[in-house]
PDB file of N, CA and C in Angstrom:
ATOM      1  N   MET A   1      12.770 -53.069   0.197  1.00  0.00           N
ATOM      2  CA  MET A   1      13.341 -51.803  -0.164  1.00  0.00           C
ATOM      3  C   MET A   1      12.231 -50.898  -0.696  1.00  0.00           C
ATOM      4  N   THR A   2      12.283 -49.640  -0.305  1.00  0.00           N
ATOM      5  CA  THR A   2      11.310 -48.655  -0.760  1.00  0.00           C
ATOM      6  C   THR A   2      11.474 -48.405  -2.251  1.00  0.00           C
ATOM      7  N   HIS A   3      10.359 -48.273  -2.926  1.00  0.00           N
ATOM      8  CA  HIS A   3      10.379 -48.004  -4.368  1.00  0.00           C
ATOM      9  C   HIS A   3       9.765 -46.634  -4.617  1.00  0.00           C
ATOM     10  N   ILE A   4      10.493 -45.793  -5.326  1.00  0.00           N
ATOM     11  CA  ILE A   4       9.997 -44.468  -5.687  1.00  0.00           C
ATOM     12  C   ILE A   4       9.644 -44.496  -7.171  1.00  0.00           C
ATOM     13  N   SER A   5       8.447 -44.085  -7.482  1.00  0.00           N
ATOM     14  CA  SER A   5       7.985 -44.102  -8.864  1.00  0.00           C
ATOM     15  C   SER A   5       8.700 -43.063  -9.707  1.00  0.00           C
ATOM     16  N   LYS A   6       8.818 -43.364 -10.985  1.00  0.00           N
ATOM     17  CA  LYS A   6       9.378 -42.416 -11.940  1.00  0.00           C
ATOM     18  C   LYS A   6       8.272 -41.475 -12.409  1.00  0.00           C
ATOM     19  N   VAL A   7       8.629 -40.215 -12.592  1.00  0.00           N
ATOM     20  CA  VAL A   7       7.700 -39.248 -13.179  1.00  0.00           C
ATOM     21  C   VAL A   7       7.686 -39.520 -14.677  1.00  0.00           C
ATOM     22  N   PRO A   8       6.507 -39.731 -15.286  1.00  0.00           N
ATOM     23  CA  PRO A   8       6.453 -39.964 -16.731  1.00  0.00           C
ATOM     24  C   PRO A   8       7.093 -38.819 -17.514  1.00  0.00           C
ATOM     25  N   PHE A   9       7.802 -39.165 -18.577  1.00  0.00           N
ATOM     26  CA  PHE A   9       8.530 -38.178 -19.377  1.00  0.00           C
ATOM     27  C   PHE A   9       7.643 -37.025 -19.800  1.00  0.00           C
ATOM     28  N   ASP A  10       6.424 -37.313 -20.243  1.00  0.00           N
ATOM     29  CA  ASP A  10       5.541 -36.252 -20.747  1.00  0.00           C
ATOM     30  C   ASP A  10       5.029 -35.332 -19.638  1.00  0.00           C
ATOM     31  N   GLN A  11       5.242 -35.703 -18.365  1.00  0.00           N
ATOM     32  CA  GLN A  11       4.829 -34.854 -17.249  1.00  0.00           C
ATOM     33  C   GLN A  11       5.986 -33.994 -16.715  1.00  0.00           C
ATOM     34  N   LEU A  12       7.193 -34.234 -17.205  1.00  0.00           N
ATOM     35  CA  LEU A  12       8.346 -33.434 -16.796  1.00  0.00           C
ATOM     36  C   LEU A  12       8.313 -32.089 -17.503  1.00  0.00           C
ATOM     37  N   ASP A  13       8.857 -31.055 -16.848  1.00  0.00           N
ATOM     38  CA  ASP A  13       8.938 -29.775 -17.553  1.00  0.00           C
ATOM     39  C   ASP A  13      10.015 -29.864 -18.626  1.00  0.00           C
ATOM     40  N   LYS A  14      10.018 -28.901 -19.508  1.00  0.00           N
ATOM     41  CA  LYS A  14      10.900 -28.928 -20.695  1.00  0.00           C
ATOM     42  C   LYS A  14      12.379 -28.993 -20.310  1.00  0.00           C
ATOM     43  N   GLN A  15      12.770 -28.314 -19.241  1.00  0.00           N
ATOM     44  CA  GLN A  15      14.172 -28.320 -18.823  1.00  0.00           C
ATOM     45  C   GLN A  15      14.620 -29.726 -18.421  1.00  0.00           C
ATOM     46  N   LEU A  16      13.792 -30.440 -17.668  1.00  0.00           N
ATOM     47  CA  LEU A  16      14.157 -31.792 -17.257  1.00  0.00           C
ATOM     48  C   LEU A  16      14.089 -32.770 -18.425  1.00  0.00           C
ATOM     49  N   GLN A  17      13.177 -32.548 -19.357  1.00  0.00           N
ATOM     50  CA  GLN A  17      13.160 -33.382 -20.559  1.00  0.00           C
ATOM     51  C   GLN A  17      14.459 -33.192 -21.333  1.00  0.00           C
ATOM     52  N   SER A  18      14.916 -31.958 -21.427  1.00  0.00           N
ATOM     53  CA  SER A  18      16.173 -31.673 -22.111  1.00  0.00           C
ATOM     54  C   SER A  18      17.348 -32.337 -21.384  1.00  0.00           C
ATOM     55  N   THR A  19      17.337 -32.272 -20.064  1.00  0.00           N
ATOM     56  CA  THR A  19      18.392 -32.919 -19.273  1.00  0.00           C
ATOM     57  C   THR A  19      18.403 -34.422 -19.528  1.00  0.00           C
ATOM     58  N   MET A  20      17.226 -35.024 -19.640  1.00  0.00           N
ATOM     59  CA  MET A  20      17.148 -36.456 -19.926  1.00  0.00           C
ATOM     60  C   MET A  20      17.743 -36.773 -21.294  1.00  0.00           C
ATOM     61  N   ARG A  21      17.417 -35.975 -22.291  1.00  0.00           N
ATOM     62  CA  ARG A  21      17.963 -36.206 -23.630  1.00  0.00           C
ATOM     63  C   ARG A  21      19.490 -36.099 -23.615  1.00  0.00           C
ATOM     64  N   GLU A  22      20.009 -35.091 -22.913  1.00  0.00           N
ATOM     65  CA  GLU A  22      21.455 -34.912 -22.817  1.00  0.00           C
ATOM     66  C   GLU A  22      22.108 -36.095 -22.098  1.00  0.00           C
ATOM     67  N   SER A  23      21.472 -36.577 -21.052  1.00  0.00           N
ATOM     68  CA  SER A  23      22.006 -37.724 -20.323  1.00  0.00           C
ATOM     69  C   SER A  23      21.985 -38.983 -21.182  1.00  0.00           C
ATOM     70  N   ASP A  24      20.916 -39.156 -21.938  1.00  0.00           N
ATOM     71  CA  ASP A  24      20.847 -40.309 -22.849  1.00  0.00           C
ATOM     72  C   ASP A  24      22.006 -40.275 -23.844  1.00  0.00           C
ATOM     73  N   ALA A  25      22.266 -39.102 -24.398  1.00  0.00           N
ATOM     74  CA  ALA A  25      23.329 -38.965 -25.391  1.00  0.00           C
ATOM     75  C   ALA A  25      24.712 -39.170 -24.770  1.00  0.00           C
ATOM     76  N   ALA A  26      24.923 -38.618 -23.583  1.00  0.00           N
ATOM     77  CA  ALA A  26      26.248 -38.657 -22.963  1.00  0.00           C
ATOM     78  C   ALA A  26      26.521 -39.957 -22.223  1.00  0.00           C
ATOM     79  N   LEU A  27      25.500 -40.483 -21.545  1.00  0.00           N
ATOM     80  CA  LEU A  27      25.719 -41.619 -20.650  1.00  0.00           C
ATOM     81  C   LEU A  27      24.966 -42.879 -21.065  1.00  0.00           C
ATOM     82  N   GLY A  28      24.078 -42.748 -22.030  1.00  0.00           N
ATOM     83  CA  GLY A  28      23.322 -43.914 -22.471  1.00  0.00           C
ATOM     84  C   GLY A  28      22.151 -44.272 -21.578  1.00  0.00           C
ATOM     85  N   GLY A  29      21.724 -43.354 -20.740  1.00  0.00           N
ATOM     86  CA  GLY A  29      20.580 -43.624 -19.881  1.00  0.00           C
ATOM     87  C   GLY A  29      20.174 -42.401 -19.092  1.00  0.00           C
ATOM     88  N   SER A  30      18.911 -42.360 -18.699  1.00  0.00           N
ATOM     89  CA  SER A  30      18.427 -41.193 -17.972  1.00  0.00           C
ATOM     90  C   SER A  30      17.237 -41.495 -17.061  1.00  0.00           C
ATOM     91  N   GLU A  31      16.885 -42.754 -16.869  1.00  0.00           N
ATOM     92  CA  GLU A  31      15.703 -43.075 -16.060  1.00  0.00           C
ATOM     93  C   GLU A  31      15.808 -42.536 -14.640  1.00  0.00           C
ATOM     94  N   TRP A  32      17.019 -42.481 -14.117  1.00  0.00           N
ATOM     95  CA  TRP A  32      17.218 -41.977 -12.758  1.00  0.00           C
ATOM     96  C   TRP A  32      16.721 -40.541 -12.617  1.00  0.00           C
ATOM     97  N   ILE A  33      16.767 -39.775 -13.694  1.00  0.00           N
ATOM     98  CA  ILE A  33      16.287 -38.389 -13.641  1.00  0.00           C
ATOM     99  C   ILE A  33      14.794 -38.365 -13.339  1.00  0.00           C
ATOM    100  N   GLN A  34      14.055 -39.328 -13.867  1.00  0.00           N
ATOM    101  CA  GLN A  34      12.613 -39.381 -13.626  1.00  0.00           C
ATOM    102  C   GLN A  34      12.310 -39.663 -12.160  1.00  0.00           C
ATOM    103  N   VAL A  35      13.160 -40.407 -11.486  1.00  0.00           N
ATOM    104  CA  VAL A  35      12.962 -40.684 -10.065  1.00  0.00           C
ATOM    105  C   VAL A  35      13.213 -39.421  -9.248  1.00  0.00           C
ATOM    106  N   PHE A  36      14.338 -38.756  -9.526  1.00  0.00           N
ATOM    107  CA  PHE A  36      14.668 -37.540  -8.790  1.00  0.00           C
ATOM    108  C   PHE A  36      13.703 -36.403  -9.084  1.00  0.00           C
ATOM    109  N   SER A  37      12.972 -36.476 -10.166  1.00  0.00           N
ATOM    110  CA  SER A  37      12.079 -35.400 -10.575  1.00  0.00           C
ATOM    111  C   SER A  37      10.792 -35.331  -9.766  1.00  0.00           C
ATOM    112  N   GLN A  38      10.660 -36.151  -8.739  1.00  0.00           N
ATOM    113  CA  GLN A  38       9.513 -36.036  -7.831  1.00  0.00           C
ATOM    114  C   GLN A  38       9.512 -34.661  -7.165  1.00  0.00           C
ATOM    115  N   THR A  39      10.705 -34.090  -6.981  1.00  0.00           N
ATOM    116  CA  THR A  39      10.860 -32.742  -6.428  1.00  0.00           C
ATOM    117  C   THR A  39      11.644 -31.918  -7.448  1.00  0.00           C
ATOM    118  N   PRO A  40      10.984 -31.424  -8.495  1.00  0.00           N
ATOM    119  CA  PRO A  40      11.688 -30.841  -9.632  1.00  0.00           C
ATOM    120  C   PRO A  40      12.589 -29.650  -9.304  1.00  0.00           C
ATOM    121  N   GLU A  41      12.159 -28.741  -8.457  1.00  0.00           N
ATOM    122  CA  GLU A  41      12.997 -27.566  -8.180  1.00  0.00           C
ATOM    123  C   GLU A  41      14.255 -27.958  -7.408  1.00  0.00           C
ATOM    124  N   LEU A  42      14.128 -28.868  -6.473  1.00  0.00           N
ATOM    125  CA  LEU A  42      15.295 -29.373  -5.747  1.00  0.00           C
ATOM    126  C   LEU A  42      16.232 -30.103  -6.707  1.00  0.00           C
ATOM    127  N   TYR A  43      15.655 -30.890  -7.582  1.00  0.00           N
ATOM    128  CA  TYR A  43      16.480 -31.640  -8.525  1.00  0.00           C
ATOM    129  C   TYR A  43      17.204 -30.712  -9.508  1.00  0.00           C
ATOM    130  N   LYS A  44      16.538 -29.667  -9.966  1.00  0.00           N
ATOM    131  CA  LYS A  44      17.194 -28.719 -10.876  1.00  0.00           C
ATOM    132  C   LYS A  44      18.409 -28.079 -10.204  1.00  0.00           C
ATOM    133  N   ALA A  45      18.284 -27.739  -8.917  1.00  0.00           N
ATOM    134  CA  ALA A  45      19.423 -27.174  -8.182  1.00  0.00           C
ATOM    135  C   ALA A  45      20.545 -28.210  -8.085  1.00  0.00           C
ATOM    136  N   PHE A  46      20.175 -29.467  -7.856  1.00  0.00           N
ATOM    137  CA  PHE A  46      21.179 -30.533  -7.789  1.00  0.00           C
ATOM    138  C   PHE A  46      21.872 -30.706  -9.134  1.00  0.00           C
ATOM    139  N   VAL A  47      21.115 -30.695 -10.233  1.00  0.00           N
ATOM    140  CA  VAL A  47      21.693 -30.855 -11.574  1.00  0.00           C
ATOM    141  C   VAL A  47      22.706 -29.748 -11.844  1.00  0.00           C
ATOM    142  N   LYS A  48      22.353 -28.520 -11.485  1.00  0.00           N
ATOM    143  CA  LYS A  48      23.286 -27.410 -11.694  1.00  0.00           C
ATOM    144  C   LYS A  48      24.576 -27.655 -10.920  1.00  0.00           C
ATOM    145  N   PHE A  49      24.461 -28.041  -9.659  1.00  0.00           N
ATOM    146  CA  PHE A  49      25.652 -28.331  -8.856  1.00  0.00           C
ATOM    147  C   PHE A  49      26.442 -29.492  -9.462  1.00  0.00           C
ATOM    148  N   TYR A  50      25.740 -30.567  -9.807  1.00  0.00           N
ATOM    149  CA  TYR A  50      26.389 -31.783 -10.303  1.00  0.00           C
ATOM    150  C   TYR A  50      27.175 -31.517 -11.581  1.00  0.00           C
ATOM    151  N   TYR A  51      26.557 -30.839 -12.526  1.00  0.00           N
ATOM    152  CA  TYR A  51      27.237 -30.605 -13.803  1.00  0.00           C
ATOM    153  C   TYR A  51      28.288 -29.503 -13.711  1.00  0.00           C
ATOM    154  N   ASP A  52      28.133 -28.569 -12.783  1.00  0.00           N
ATOM    155  CA  ASP A  52      29.147 -27.522 -12.620  1.00  0.00           C
ATOM    156  C   ASP A  52      30.363 -27.996 -11.829  1.00  0.00           C
ATOM    157  N   HIS A  53      30.172 -28.972 -10.921  1.00  0.00           N
ATOM    158  CA  HIS A  53      31.254 -29.350 -10.014  1.00  0.00           C
ATOM    159  C   HIS A  53      31.682 -30.815 -10.097  1.00  0.00           C
ATOM    160  N   ILE A  54      30.807 -31.699 -10.482  1.00  0.00           N
ATOM    161  CA  ILE A  54      31.134 -33.124 -10.498  1.00  0.00           C
ATOM    162  C   ILE A  54      31.446 -33.617 -11.910  1.00  0.00           C
ATOM    163  N   MET A  55      30.645 -33.204 -12.872  1.00  0.00           N
ATOM    164  CA  MET A  55      30.809 -33.690 -14.241  1.00  0.00           C
ATOM    165  C   MET A  55      31.806 -32.840 -15.029  1.00  0.00           C
ATOM    166  N   VAL A  56      32.912 -32.526 -14.402  1.00  0.00           N
ATOM    167  CA  VAL A  56      33.989 -31.786 -15.056  1.00  0.00           C
ATOM    168  C   VAL A  56      35.299 -32.494 -14.747  1.00  0.00           C
ATOM    169  N   ASP A  57      36.213 -32.467 -15.685  1.00  0.00           N
ATOM    170  CA  ASP A  57      37.543 -33.003 -15.439  1.00  0.00           C
ATOM    171  C   ASP A  57      38.297 -31.987 -14.584  1.00  0.00           C
ATOM    172  N   ALA A  58      38.537 -32.334 -13.330  1.00  0.00           N
ATOM    173  CA  ALA A  58      39.223 -31.404 -12.432  1.00  0.00           C
ATOM    174  C   ALA A  58      39.979 -32.180 -11.363  1.00  0.00           C
ATOM    175  N   ASP A  59      41.028 -31.587 -10.889  1.00  0.00           N
ATOM    176  CA  ASP A  59      41.814 -32.154  -9.794  1.00  0.00           C
ATOM    177  C   ASP A  59      42.266 -33.581 -10.075  1.00  0.00           C
ATOM    178  N   GLY A  60      42.517 -33.895 -11.342  1.00  0.00           N
ATOM    179  CA  GLY A  60      43.019 -35.212 -11.702  1.00  0.00           C
ATOM    180  C   GLY A  60      41.975 -36.300 -11.772  1.00  0.00           C
ATOM    181  N   ILE A  61      40.711 -35.951 -11.581  1.00  0.00           N
ATOM    182  CA  ILE A  61      39.626 -36.937 -11.635  1.00  0.00           C
ATOM    183  C   ILE A  61      38.790 -36.640 -12.873  1.00  0.00           C
ATOM    184  N   SER A  62      38.721 -37.606 -13.773  1.00  0.00           N
ATOM    185  CA  SER A  62      37.973 -37.404 -15.011  1.00  0.00           C
ATOM    186  C   SER A  62      36.494 -37.705 -14.809  1.00  0.00           C
ATOM    187  N   VAL A  63      35.698 -37.205 -15.726  1.00  0.00           N
ATOM    188  CA  VAL A  63      34.264 -37.504 -15.715  1.00  0.00           C
ATOM    189  C   VAL A  63      34.061 -39.013 -15.844  1.00  0.00           C
ATOM    190  N   LYS A  64      34.851 -39.652 -16.689  1.00  0.00           N
ATOM    191  CA  LYS A  64      34.720 -41.099 -16.885  1.00  0.00           C
ATOM    192  C   LYS A  64      34.969 -41.848 -15.574  1.00  0.00           C
ATOM    193  N   LEU A  65      36.013 -41.474 -14.838  1.00  0.00           N
ATOM    194  CA  LEU A  65      36.284 -42.129 -13.556  1.00  0.00           C
ATOM    195  C   LEU A  65      35.153 -41.882 -12.569  1.00  0.00           C
ATOM    196  N   THR A  66      34.651 -40.655 -12.530  1.00  0.00           N
ATOM    197  CA  THR A  66      33.535 -40.330 -11.640  1.00  0.00           C
ATOM    198  C   THR A  66      32.341 -41.232 -11.935  1.00  0.00           C
ATOM    199  N   GLU A  67      32.004 -41.409 -13.208  1.00  0.00           N
ATOM    200  CA  GLU A  67      30.856 -42.236 -13.575  1.00  0.00           C
ATOM    201  C   GLU A  67      31.117 -43.720 -13.319  1.00  0.00           C
ATOM    202  N   LEU A  68      32.345 -44.173 -13.483  1.00  0.00           N
ATOM    203  CA  LEU A  68      32.665 -45.571 -13.173  1.00  0.00           C
ATOM    204  C   LEU A  68      32.494 -45.851 -11.684  1.00  0.00           C
ATOM    205  N   VAL A  69      32.914 -44.925 -10.848  1.00  0.00           N
ATOM    206  CA  VAL A  69      32.733 -45.070  -9.402  1.00  0.00           C
ATOM    207  C   VAL A  69      31.247 -45.062  -9.057  1.00  0.00           C
ATOM    208  N   ARG A  70      30.508 -44.122  -9.655  1.00  0.00           N
ATOM    209  CA  ARG A  70      29.062 -44.053  -9.408  1.00  0.00           C
ATOM    210  C   ARG A  70      28.376 -45.355  -9.802  1.00  0.00           C
ATOM    211  N   HIS A  71      28.778 -45.893 -10.949  1.00  0.00           N
ATOM    212  CA  HIS A  71      28.200 -47.144 -11.431  1.00  0.00           C
ATOM    213  C   HIS A  71      28.523 -48.302 -10.485  1.00  0.00           C
ATOM    214  N   LYS A  72      29.744 -48.395 -10.022  1.00  0.00           N
ATOM    215  CA  LYS A  72      30.140 -49.470  -9.099  1.00  0.00           C
ATOM    216  C   LYS A  72      29.355 -49.387  -7.804  1.00  0.00           C
ATOM    217  N   ILE A  73      29.169 -48.186  -7.291  1.00  0.00           N
ATOM    218  CA  ILE A  73      28.376 -48.015  -6.063  1.00  0.00           C
ATOM    219  C   ILE A  73      26.936 -48.465  -6.287  1.00  0.00           C
ATOM    220  N   ALA A  74      26.374 -48.128  -7.444  1.00  0.00           N
ATOM    221  CA  ALA A  74      25.004 -48.557  -7.766  1.00  0.00           C
ATOM    222  C   ALA A  74      24.915 -50.079  -7.823  1.00  0.00           C
ATOM    223  N   LEU A  75      25.928 -50.730  -8.407  1.00  0.00           N
ATOM    224  CA  LEU A  75      25.928 -52.198  -8.462  1.00  0.00           C
ATOM    225  C   LEU A  75      26.004 -52.799  -7.066  1.00  0.00           C
ATOM    226  N   ILE A  76      26.870 -52.261  -6.227  1.00  0.00           N
ATOM    227  CA  ILE A  76      27.010 -52.769  -4.862  1.00  0.00           C
ATOM    228  C   ILE A  76      25.691 -52.631  -4.103  1.00  0.00           C
ATOM    229  N   ASN A  77      24.991 -51.516  -4.334  1.00  0.00           N
ATOM    230  CA  ASN A  77      23.725 -51.263  -3.664  1.00  0.00           C
ATOM    231  C   ASN A  77      22.519 -51.875  -4.369  1.00  0.00           C
ATOM    232  N   GLN A  78      22.775 -52.631  -5.410  1.00  0.00           N
ATOM    233  CA  GLN A  78      21.738 -53.308  -6.202  1.00  0.00           C
ATOM    234  C   GLN A  78      20.710 -52.332  -6.769  1.00  0.00           C
ATOM    235  N   CYS A  79      21.180 -51.189  -7.192  1.00  0.00           N
ATOM    236  CA  CYS A  79      20.337 -50.185  -7.846  1.00  0.00           C
ATOM    237  C   CYS A  79      20.266 -50.534  -9.323  1.00  0.00           C
ATOM    238  N   HIS A  80      19.080 -50.678  -9.856  1.00  0.00           N
ATOM    239  CA  HIS A  80      18.914 -51.120 -11.243  1.00  0.00           C
ATOM    240  C   HIS A  80      18.627 -49.979 -12.209  1.00  0.00           C
ATOM    241  N   LEU A  81      18.761 -48.730 -11.742  1.00  0.00           N
ATOM    242  CA  LEU A  81      18.505 -47.603 -12.645  1.00  0.00           C
ATOM    243  C   LEU A  81      19.751 -47.184 -13.324  1.00  0.00           C
TER     244      LEU A  81
END
Protein backbone atom coordinates (compact mmCIF):
# COMPACT_ATOMS: atom_id res chain seq x y z
CA MET A 1 0.00 0.00 0.00
CA THR A 2 1.23 3.49 -0.86
CA HIS A 3 2.26 5.60 2.11
CA ILE A 4 1.86 9.37 2.06
CA SER A 5 3.98 11.28 4.54
CA LYS A 6 2.47 13.66 7.05
CA VAL A 7 3.41 17.33 6.84
CA PRO A 8 5.09 18.24 10.17
CA PHE A 9 2.86 20.42 12.36
CA ASP A 10 5.38 23.28 12.47
CA GLN A 11 5.43 23.40 8.64
CA LEU A 12 1.64 23.81 8.33
CA ASP A 13 0.22 27.29 7.89
CA LYS A 14 -1.62 28.82 10.84
CA GLN A 15 -5.08 28.02 9.45
CA LEU A 16 -4.34 24.30 9.17
CA GLN A 17 -2.70 24.27 12.60
CA SER A 18 -5.91 25.79 13.96
CA THR A 19 -7.97 23.16 12.13
CA MET A 20 -5.84 20.45 13.73
CA ARG A 21 -6.38 21.88 17.21
CA GLU A 22 -10.14 22.05 16.60
CA SER A 23 -10.18 18.46 15.34
CA ASP A 24 -8.21 17.28 18.36
CA ALA A 25 -10.72 18.94 20.67
CA ALA A 26 -13.82 17.73 18.81
CA LEU A 27 -12.77 14.30 17.58
CA GLY A 28 -9.73 13.37 19.65
CA GLY A 29 -7.37 13.23 16.69
CA SER A 30 -6.06 15.17 13.74
CA GLU A 31 -3.12 13.31 12.15
CA TRP A 32 -5.13 12.78 8.98
CA ILE A 33 -5.05 16.55 8.42
CA GLN A 34 -1.26 16.38 8.13
CA VAL A 35 -1.57 13.82 5.33
CA PHE A 36 -4.11 15.86 3.37
CA SER A 37 -1.99 18.98 3.86
CA GLN A 38 0.41 17.91 1.11
CA THR A 39 -1.82 20.11 -1.08
CA PRO A 40 -2.83 22.85 1.38
CA GLU A 41 -5.03 25.02 -0.86
CA LEU A 42 -7.00 22.01 -2.11
CA TYR A 43 -7.35 20.74 1.43
CA LYS A 44 -8.56 24.12 2.73
CA ALA A 45 -11.32 24.08 0.09
CA PHE A 46 -12.22 20.53 1.16
CA VAL A 47 -12.32 21.53 4.86
CA LYS A 48 -14.70 24.38 4.07
CA PHE A 49 -16.99 22.02 2.15
CA TYR A 50 -16.72 19.27 4.78
CA TYR A 51 -17.54 21.46 7.76
CA ASP A 52 -20.25 23.43 5.94
CA HIS A 53 -22.05 20.39 4.50
CA ILE A 54 -20.95 17.17 6.21
CA MET A 55 -20.19 18.10 9.81
CA VAL A 56 -23.66 19.49 10.46
CA ASP A 57 -26.75 17.81 11.82
CA ALA A 58 -29.02 17.81 8.77
CA ASP A 59 -31.56 15.63 7.02
CA GLY A 60 -31.80 13.32 10.03
CA ILE A 61 -28.10 12.41 9.98
CA SER A 62 -26.11 13.57 12.99
CA VAL A 63 -22.45 14.49 13.05
CA LYS A 64 -21.90 11.56 15.43
CA LEU A 65 -23.43 9.09 12.96
CA THR A 66 -21.38 10.57 10.12
CA GLU A 67 -18.16 10.09 12.10
CA LEU A 68 -19.11 6.55 13.17
CA VAL A 69 -19.62 5.60 9.52
CA ARG A 70 -16.33 7.27 8.56
CA HIS A 71 -14.56 5.38 11.34
CA LYS A 72 -16.04 2.02 10.29
CA ILE A 73 -14.96 2.58 6.69
CA ALA A 74 -11.43 3.40 7.89
CA LEU A 75 -11.35 0.16 9.92
CA ILE A 76 -12.56 -1.90 6.97
CA ASN A 77 -9.86 -0.32 4.80
CA GLN A 78 -7.22 -0.83 7.51
CA CYS A 79 -6.51 2.89 7.74
CA HIS A 80 -4.62 3.58 10.96
CA LEU A 81 -4.98 7.37 10.99
